[in-house]
PDB file of N, CA and C in Angstrom:
ATOM      1  N   MET A   1     -16.968  24.515  11.424  1.00  0.00           N
ATOM      2  CA  MET A   1     -15.555  24.569  11.158  1.00  0.00           C
ATOM      3  C   MET A   1     -15.316  24.225   9.698  1.00  0.00           C
ATOM      4  N   THR A   2     -14.446  24.984   9.060  1.00  0.00           N
ATOM      5  CA  THR A   2     -14.065  24.721   7.679  1.00  0.00           C
ATOM      6  C   THR A   2     -12.592  24.369   7.646  1.00  0.00           C
ATOM      7  N   ILE A   3     -12.271  23.301   6.938  1.00  0.00           N
ATOM      8  CA  ILE A   3     -10.881  22.871   6.815  1.00  0.00           C
ATOM      9  C   ILE A   3     -10.511  22.868   5.346  1.00  0.00           C
ATOM     10  N   SER A   4      -9.405  23.503   5.035  1.00  0.00           N
ATOM     11  CA  SER A   4      -8.913  23.526   3.664  1.00  0.00           C
ATOM     12  C   SER A   4      -7.555  22.840   3.642  1.00  0.00           C
ATOM     13  N   ILE A   5      -7.421  21.842   2.802  1.00  0.00           N
ATOM     14  CA  ILE A   5      -6.159  21.118   2.677  1.00  0.00           C
ATOM     15  C   ILE A   5      -5.638  21.326   1.268  1.00  0.00           C
ATOM     16  N   GLY A   6      -4.473  21.947   1.165  1.00  0.00           N
ATOM     17  CA  GLY A   6      -3.856  22.151  -0.142  1.00  0.00           C
ATOM     18  C   GLY A   6      -3.138  20.883  -0.580  1.00  0.00           C
ATOM     19  N   LEU A   7      -3.355  20.464  -1.789  1.00  0.00           N
ATOM     20  CA  LEU A   7      -2.741  19.245  -2.300  1.00  0.00           C
ATOM     21  C   LEU A   7      -1.728  19.582  -3.373  1.00  0.00           C
ATOM     22  N   ILE A   8      -0.635  18.843  -3.384  1.00  0.00           N
ATOM     23  CA  ILE A   8       0.384  18.997  -4.410  1.00  0.00           C
ATOM     24  C   ILE A   8       0.243  17.816  -5.354  1.00  0.00           C
ATOM     25  N   GLY A   9       0.177  18.074  -6.635  1.00  0.00           N
ATOM     26  CA  GLY A   9       0.020  16.995  -7.600  1.00  0.00           C
ATOM     27  C   GLY A   9      -1.444  16.715  -7.871  1.00  0.00           C
ATOM     28  N   THR A  10      -1.691  15.701  -8.678  1.00  0.00           N
ATOM     29  CA  THR A  10      -3.066  15.404  -9.073  1.00  0.00           C
ATOM     30  C   THR A  10      -3.488  13.982  -8.744  1.00  0.00           C
ATOM     31  N   ASP A  11      -2.629  13.208  -8.073  1.00  0.00           N
ATOM     32  CA  ASP A  11      -2.950  11.807  -7.828  1.00  0.00           C
ATOM     33  C   ASP A  11      -3.583  11.565  -6.462  1.00  0.00           C
ATOM     34  N   HIS A  12      -4.054  12.618  -5.800  1.00  0.00           N
ATOM     35  CA  HIS A  12      -4.653  12.466  -4.480  1.00  0.00           C
ATOM     36  C   HIS A  12      -6.154  12.239  -4.606  1.00  0.00           C
ATOM     37  N   HIS A  13      -6.660  11.381  -3.766  1.00  0.00           N
ATOM     38  CA  HIS A  13      -8.082  11.071  -3.753  1.00  0.00           C
ATOM     39  C   HIS A  13      -8.661  11.591  -2.445  1.00  0.00           C
ATOM     40  N   PRO A  14      -9.855  12.159  -2.467  1.00  0.00           N
ATOM     41  CA  PRO A  14     -10.448  12.713  -1.243  1.00  0.00           C
ATOM     42  C   PRO A  14     -10.514  11.723  -0.084  1.00  0.00           C
ATOM     43  N   ARG A  15     -10.706  10.431  -0.360  1.00  0.00           N
ATOM     44  CA  ARG A  15     -10.773   9.445   0.721  1.00  0.00           C
ATOM     45  C   ARG A  15      -9.454   9.327   1.473  1.00  0.00           C
ATOM     46  N   THR A  16      -8.354   9.721   0.808  1.00  0.00           N
ATOM     47  CA  THR A  16      -7.051   9.667   1.458  1.00  0.00           C
ATOM     48  C   THR A  16      -7.063  10.495   2.737  1.00  0.00           C
ATOM     49  N   TYR A  17      -7.782  11.593   2.732  1.00  0.00           N
ATOM     50  CA  TYR A  17      -7.792  12.515   3.855  1.00  0.00           C
ATOM     51  C   TYR A  17      -9.044  12.400   4.718  1.00  0.00           C
ATOM     52  N   ALA A  18      -9.946  11.502   4.384  1.00  0.00           N
ATOM     53  CA  ALA A  18     -11.224  11.408   5.099  1.00  0.00           C
ATOM     54  C   ALA A  18     -11.024  11.114   6.580  1.00  0.00           C
ATOM     55  N   GLY A  19     -10.154  10.166   6.909  1.00  0.00           N
ATOM     56  CA  GLY A  19      -9.919   9.824   8.311  1.00  0.00           C
ATOM     57  C   GLY A  19      -9.307  10.978   9.082  1.00  0.00           C
ATOM     58  N   PHE A  20      -8.406  11.703   8.430  1.00  0.00           N
ATOM     59  CA  PHE A  20      -7.774  12.862   9.059  1.00  0.00           C
ATOM     60  C   PHE A  20      -8.813  13.933   9.379  1.00  0.00           C
ATOM     61  N   VAL A  21      -9.627  14.251   8.406  1.00  0.00           N
ATOM     62  CA  VAL A  21     -10.656  15.279   8.589  1.00  0.00           C
ATOM     63  C   VAL A  21     -11.687  14.826   9.616  1.00  0.00           C
ATOM     64  N   ARG A  22     -12.088  13.561   9.565  1.00  0.00           N
ATOM     65  CA  ARG A  22     -13.062  13.028  10.521  1.00  0.00           C
ATOM     66  C   ARG A  22     -12.519  13.138  11.952  1.00  0.00           C
ATOM     67  N   GLY A  23     -11.234  12.835  12.120  1.00  0.00           N
ATOM     68  CA  GLY A  23     -10.626  12.927  13.445  1.00  0.00           C
ATOM     69  C   GLY A  23     -10.655  14.336  14.003  1.00  0.00           C
ATOM     70  N   ILE A  24     -10.389  15.310  13.151  1.00  0.00           N
ATOM     71  CA  ILE A  24     -10.444  16.710  13.592  1.00  0.00           C
ATOM     72  C   ILE A  24     -11.876  17.091  13.935  1.00  0.00           C
ATOM     73  N   ARG A  25     -12.795  16.721  13.071  1.00  0.00           N
ATOM     74  CA  ARG A  25     -14.204  17.089  13.273  1.00  0.00           C
ATOM     75  C   ARG A  25     -14.770  16.458  14.542  1.00  0.00           C
ATOM     76  N   ASP A  26     -14.488  15.154  14.743  1.00  0.00           N
ATOM     77  CA  ASP A  26     -15.064  14.416  15.865  1.00  0.00           C
ATOM     78  C   ASP A  26     -14.185  14.417  17.111  1.00  0.00           C
ATOM     79  N   ARG A  27     -13.001  15.016  16.996  1.00  0.00           N
ATOM     80  CA  ARG A  27     -12.031  15.010  18.090  1.00  0.00           C
ATOM     81  C   ARG A  27     -11.700  13.585  18.536  1.00  0.00           C
ATOM     82  N   SER A  28     -11.589  12.695  17.565  1.00  0.00           N
ATOM     83  CA  SER A  28     -11.283  11.298  17.869  1.00  0.00           C
ATOM     84  C   SER A  28      -9.797  11.023  17.665  1.00  0.00           C
ATOM     85  N   ARG A  29      -9.349   9.920  18.211  1.00  0.00           N
ATOM     86  CA  ARG A  29      -7.945   9.540  18.084  1.00  0.00           C
ATOM     87  C   ARG A  29      -7.678   9.061  16.667  1.00  0.00           C
ATOM     88  N   PRO A  30      -6.484   9.321  16.162  1.00  0.00           N
ATOM     89  CA  PRO A  30      -6.142   8.859  14.814  1.00  0.00           C
ATOM     90  C   PRO A  30      -5.963   7.345  14.778  1.00  0.00           C
ATOM     91  N   VAL A  31      -6.053   6.789  13.591  1.00  0.00           N
ATOM     92  CA  VAL A  31      -5.865   5.347  13.421  1.00  0.00           C
ATOM     93  C   VAL A  31      -4.452   4.965  13.839  1.00  0.00           C
ATOM     94  N   HIS A  32      -3.483   5.791  13.472  1.00  0.00           N
ATOM     95  CA  HIS A  32      -2.084   5.542  13.813  1.00  0.00           C
ATOM     96  C   HIS A  32      -1.597   6.641  14.741  1.00  0.00           C
ATOM     97  N   THR A  33      -0.751   6.264  15.687  1.00  0.00           N
ATOM     98  CA  THR A  33      -0.236   7.229  16.650  1.00  0.00           C
ATOM     99  C   THR A  33       0.918   8.029  16.062  1.00  0.00           C
ATOM    100  N   HIS A  34       1.267   9.100  16.737  1.00  0.00           N
ATOM    101  CA  HIS A  34       2.415   9.891  16.281  1.00  0.00           C
ATOM    102  C   HIS A  34       3.713   9.093  16.426  1.00  0.00           C
ATOM    103  N   GLU A  35       3.753   8.155  17.393  1.00  0.00           N
ATOM    104  CA  GLU A  35       4.943   7.309  17.526  1.00  0.00           C
ATOM    105  C   GLU A  35       5.115   6.428  16.287  1.00  0.00           C
ATOM    106  N   GLU A  36       4.016   5.872  15.801  1.00  0.00           N
ATOM    107  CA  GLU A  36       4.085   5.051  14.585  1.00  0.00           C
ATOM    108  C   GLU A  36       4.518   5.894  13.388  1.00  0.00           C
ATOM    109  N   GLY A  37       4.008   7.092  13.297  1.00  0.00           N
ATOM    110  CA  GLY A  37       4.399   7.985  12.209  1.00  0.00           C
ATOM    111  C   GLY A  37       5.880   8.316  12.262  1.00  0.00           C
ATOM    112  N   THR A  38       6.392   8.555  13.475  1.00  0.00           N
ATOM    113  CA  THR A  38       7.816   8.841  13.645  1.00  0.00           C
ATOM    114  C   THR A  38       8.661   7.636  13.255  1.00  0.00           C
ATOM    115  N   ASP A  39       8.229   6.439  13.639  1.00  0.00           N
ATOM    116  CA  ASP A  39       8.966   5.222  13.276  1.00  0.00           C
ATOM    117  C   ASP A  39       9.021   5.040  11.761  1.00  0.00           C
ATOM    118  N   VAL A  40       7.913   5.275  11.096  1.00  0.00           N
ATOM    119  CA  VAL A  40       7.875   5.152   9.636  1.00  0.00           C
ATOM    120  C   VAL A  40       8.810   6.172   8.996  1.00  0.00           C
ATOM    121  N   LEU A  41       8.806   7.392   9.501  1.00  0.00           N
ATOM    122  CA  LEU A  41       9.695   8.422   8.962  1.00  0.00           C
ATOM    123  C   LEU A  41      11.157   8.026   9.137  1.00  0.00           C
ATOM    124  N   LYS A  42      11.510   7.444  10.281  1.00  0.00           N
ATOM    125  CA  LYS A  42      12.886   6.986  10.508  1.00  0.00           C
ATOM    126  C   LYS A  42      13.285   5.929   9.486  1.00  0.00           C
ATOM    127  N   ILE A  43      12.374   5.022   9.177  1.00  0.00           N
ATOM    128  CA  ILE A  43      12.651   3.974   8.189  1.00  0.00           C
ATOM    129  C   ILE A  43      12.860   4.581   6.809  1.00  0.00           C
ATOM    130  N   ILE A  44      11.998   5.514   6.437  1.00  0.00           N
ATOM    131  CA  ILE A  44      12.115   6.160   5.122  1.00  0.00           C
ATOM    132  C   ILE A  44      13.438   6.912   5.010  1.00  0.00           C
ATOM    133  N   LEU A  45      13.776   7.683   6.044  1.00  0.00           N
ATOM    134  CA  LEU A  45      15.029   8.439   6.013  1.00  0.00           C
ATOM    135  C   LEU A  45      16.240   7.511   5.987  1.00  0.00           C
ATOM    136  N   ALA A  46      16.167   6.386   6.703  1.00  0.00           N
ATOM    137  CA  ALA A  46      17.260   5.415   6.687  1.00  0.00           C
ATOM    138  C   ALA A  46      17.407   4.787   5.308  1.00  0.00           C
ATOM    139  N   ALA A  47      16.298   4.542   4.631  1.00  0.00           N
ATOM    140  CA  ALA A  47      16.357   3.976   3.276  1.00  0.00           C
ATOM    141  C   ALA A  47      17.050   4.945   2.322  1.00  0.00           C
ATOM    142  N   TYR A  48      16.722   6.228   2.415  1.00  0.00           N
ATOM    143  CA  TYR A  48      17.392   7.229   1.577  1.00  0.00           C
ATOM    144  C   TYR A  48      18.882   7.303   1.901  1.00  0.00           C
ATOM    145  N   ARG A  49      19.190   7.297   3.193  1.00  0.00           N
ATOM    146  CA  ARG A  49      20.602   7.362   3.598  1.00  0.00           C
ATOM    147  C   ARG A  49      21.364   6.134   3.115  1.00  0.00           C
ATOM    148  N   SER A  50      20.741   4.964   3.239  1.00  0.00           N
ATOM    149  CA  SER A  50      21.363   3.724   2.782  1.00  0.00           C
ATOM    150  C   SER A  50      21.659   3.782   1.291  1.00  0.00           C
ATOM    151  N   ALA A  51      20.714   4.280   0.526  1.00  0.00           N
ATOM    152  CA  ALA A  51      20.912   4.391  -0.925  1.00  0.00           C
ATOM    153  C   ALA A  51      22.022   5.388  -1.247  1.00  0.00           C
ATOM    154  N   ARG A  52      22.034   6.497  -0.523  1.00  0.00           N
ATOM    155  CA  ARG A  52      23.035   7.535  -0.770  1.00  0.00           C
ATOM    156  C   ARG A  52      24.441   7.047  -0.409  1.00  0.00           C
ATOM    157  N   GLU A  53      24.561   6.346   0.740  1.00  0.00           N
ATOM    158  CA  GLU A  53      25.867   5.898   1.217  1.00  0.00           C
ATOM    159  C   GLU A  53      26.235   4.500   0.725  1.00  0.00           C
ATOM    160  N   LYS A  54      25.272   3.837   0.071  1.00  0.00           N
ATOM    161  CA  LYS A  54      25.476   2.486  -0.457  1.00  0.00           C
ATOM    162  C   LYS A  54      25.956   1.516   0.624  1.00  0.00           C
ATOM    163  N   GLN A  55      25.281   1.569   1.770  1.00  0.00           N
ATOM    164  CA  GLN A  55      25.570   0.637   2.858  1.00  0.00           C
ATOM    165  C   GLN A  55      24.336   0.485   3.743  1.00  0.00           C
ATOM    166  N   GLU A  56      24.340  -0.580   4.549  1.00  0.00           N
ATOM    167  CA  GLU A  56      23.227  -0.809   5.461  1.00  0.00           C
ATOM    168  C   GLU A  56      23.258   0.222   6.578  1.00  0.00           C
ATOM    169  N   ILE A  57      22.075   0.604   7.021  1.00  0.00           N
ATOM    170  CA  ILE A  57      21.934   1.576   8.101  1.00  0.00           C
ATOM    171  C   ILE A  57      21.231   0.881   9.259  1.00  0.00           C
ATOM    172  N   LYS A  58      21.818   0.982  10.452  1.00  0.00           N
ATOM    173  CA  LYS A  58      21.193   0.397  11.637  1.00  0.00           C
ATOM    174  C   LYS A  58      20.097   1.319  12.146  1.00  0.00           C
ATOM    175  N   LEU A  59      18.958   0.739  12.448  1.00  0.00           N
ATOM    176  CA  LEU A  59      17.856   1.541  13.000  1.00  0.00           C
ATOM    177  C   LEU A  59      17.842   1.434  14.511  1.00  0.00           C
TER     178      LEU A  59
END
């Protein structure tokens, strides 16, 4: 199997993606679950919204 990952920018290091690629290759579970990823995304989006609206956002 060959995996090609396109990167945007120049500050990416190959080790950043090593766990991701290893998981695909070995069919192993990721270090973080999709639920954790979704929670982090909600926090990031709330931070942007808070900055835009200049008020606290309830999570």
